[in-house]
Amino acid sequence: MNRFLSTLSLCMRARRLAFGYETVKAAVKAGKVSLLLSASDLSEKSAKEVEFLSRSSGVPHLRLALSMEDIAHAIGKKTGIIGITDPGLAAALTRTDHETEDHLCR
């Protein structure tokens, strides 16, 4: 879990993420997003919108087992929807989740 959150924090420091639905949606449409992440306590409506955005754009989506508060501790912003804009960091986040025994993604 610490490696995943550390990598997410690195994404923020490197300015390689977008957050908030409208910002993420615009970045997806511009072809800049490599991975979509959503918080566990995201509203059902927003979760469906992120799923639709993922399916319609072909961008992978991971529903995290982390709350918006957990995400806020890692990146300094309380948000439920994140777009990773760097392919290497997106791959690192996916790989980190698969390497841990207690997957952060559902």
Protein backbone atom coordinates (compact mmCIF):
# COMPACT_ATOMS: atom_id res chain seq x y z
CA MET A 1 0.00 0.00 0.00
CA ASN A 2 2.82 2.39 0.81
CA ARG A 3 4.45 1.88 -2.61
CA PHE A 4 1.16 2.57 -4.39
CA LEU A 5 0.52 5.74 -2.39
CA SER A 6 4.15 6.83 -2.80
CA THR A 7 3.88 6.41 -6.57
CA LEU A 8 0.60 8.32 -6.57
CA SER A 9 2.28 11.08 -4.59
CA LEU A 10 5.12 11.11 -7.11
CA CYS A 11 2.57 11.58 -9.90
CA MET A 12 1.26 14.68 -8.13
CA ARG A 13 4.71 16.13 -7.52
CA ALA A 14 5.63 15.49 -11.16
CA ARG A 15 2.36 17.11 -12.26
CA ARG A 16 1.38 13.99 -14.16
CA LEU A 17 -2.20 13.69 -12.99
CA ALA A 18 -5.53 15.36 -13.50
CA PHE A 19 -8.23 15.31 -10.86
CA GLY A 20 -11.93 16.08 -10.76
CA TYR A 21 -14.39 14.67 -13.29
CA GLU A 22 -14.51 17.56 -15.78
CA THR A 23 -10.73 18.02 -15.82
CA VAL A 24 -10.14 14.28 -16.21
CA LYS A 25 -12.80 14.00 -18.92
CA ALA A 26 -11.16 16.82 -20.93
CA ALA A 27 -7.73 15.20 -20.54
CA VAL A 28 -9.13 11.82 -21.68
CA LYS A 29 -10.72 13.42 -24.75
CA ALA A 30 -7.37 15.09 -25.52
CA GLY A 31 -5.68 11.68 -25.38
CA LYS A 32 -3.51 12.58 -22.39
CA VAL A 33 -4.72 10.04 -19.81
CA SER A 34 -3.15 6.56 -19.53
CA LEU A 35 -5.01 5.34 -16.43
CA LEU A 36 -8.18 6.31 -14.56
CA LEU A 37 -8.45 5.86 -10.80
CA SER A 38 -11.52 6.30 -8.63
CA ALA A 39 -12.01 6.32 -4.87
CA SER A 40 -14.01 3.71 -3.01
CA ASP A 41 -16.42 6.29 -1.59
CA LEU A 42 -17.20 7.92 -4.93
CA SER A 43 -20.93 8.40 -5.50
CA GLU A 44 -22.68 5.73 -7.55
CA LYS A 45 -23.50 8.26 -10.29
CA SER A 46 -19.90 9.46 -10.57
CA ALA A 47 -18.62 5.86 -10.52
CA LYS A 48 -20.89 5.03 -13.48
CA GLU A 49 -19.66 8.12 -15.34
CA VAL A 50 -16.03 7.09 -14.83
CA GLU A 51 -16.81 3.53 -16.00
CA PHE A 52 -18.52 4.89 -19.12
CA LEU A 53 -15.60 7.25 -19.78
CA SER A 54 -13.19 4.33 -19.46
CA ARG A 55 -15.17 2.04 -21.78
CA SER A 56 -15.82 4.71 -24.41
CA SER A 57 -12.20 5.90 -24.51
CA GLY A 58 -10.39 2.60 -23.97
CA VAL A 59 -8.45 4.03 -21.01
CA PRO A 60 -8.01 1.42 -18.22
CA HIS A 61 -9.81 2.13 -14.96
CA LEU A 62 -8.96 0.94 -11.45
CA ARG A 63 -11.50 1.36 -8.67
CA LEU A 64 -9.37 1.82 -5.57
CA ALA A 65 -10.06 0.43 -2.12
CA LEU A 66 -8.96 3.87 -0.89
CA SER A 67 -11.28 6.65 0.24
CA MET A 68 -11.06 10.26 -0.89
CA GLU A 69 -9.41 11.01 2.48
CA ASP A 70 -6.72 8.38 1.82
CA ILE A 71 -6.08 9.90 -1.59
CA ALA A 72 -5.95 13.39 -0.05
CA HIS A 73 -3.18 12.26 2.30
CA ALA A 74 -1.14 11.07 -0.68
CA ILE A 75 -1.64 13.94 -3.13
CA GLY A 76 -2.80 16.84 -0.97
CA LYS A 77 -6.16 17.21 -2.75
CA LYS A 78 -9.45 15.62 -1.78
CA THR A 79 -10.73 14.04 -4.97
CA GLY A 80 -12.47 10.87 -6.04
CA ILE A 81 -11.47 10.80 -9.72
CA ILE A 82 -7.88 10.86 -10.95
CA GLY A 83 -6.35 10.59 -14.40
CA ILE A 84 -2.69 9.59 -14.66
CA THR A 85 -1.15 11.39 -17.64
CA ASP A 86 2.21 9.63 -17.77
CA PRO A 87 2.25 6.13 -19.32
CA GLY A 88 5.26 5.01 -17.27
CA LEU A 89 3.76 6.10 -13.97
CA ALA A 90 0.41 4.54 -14.94
CA ALA A 91 2.20 1.24 -15.60
CA ALA A 92 4.06 1.54 -12.29
CA LEU A 93 0.80 2.06 -10.38
CA THR A 94 -0.80 -0.94 -12.08
CA ARG A 95 2.27 -3.08 -11.49
CA THR A 96 2.52 -2.01 -7.83
CA ASP A 97 -1.10 -3.00 -7.23
CA HIS A 98 -0.57 -6.43 -8.79
CA GLU A 99 2.59 -7.05 -6.74
CA THR A 100 0.97 -6.45 -3.36
CA GLU A 101 -0.94 -9.18 -1.57
CA ASP A 102 -3.73 -6.86 -0.47
CA HIS A 103 -4.75 -5.28 -3.74
CA LEU A 104 -5.77 -1.67 -3.48
CA CYS A 105 -7.95 -2.00 -6.53
CA ARG A 106 -11.23 -3.81 -6.79
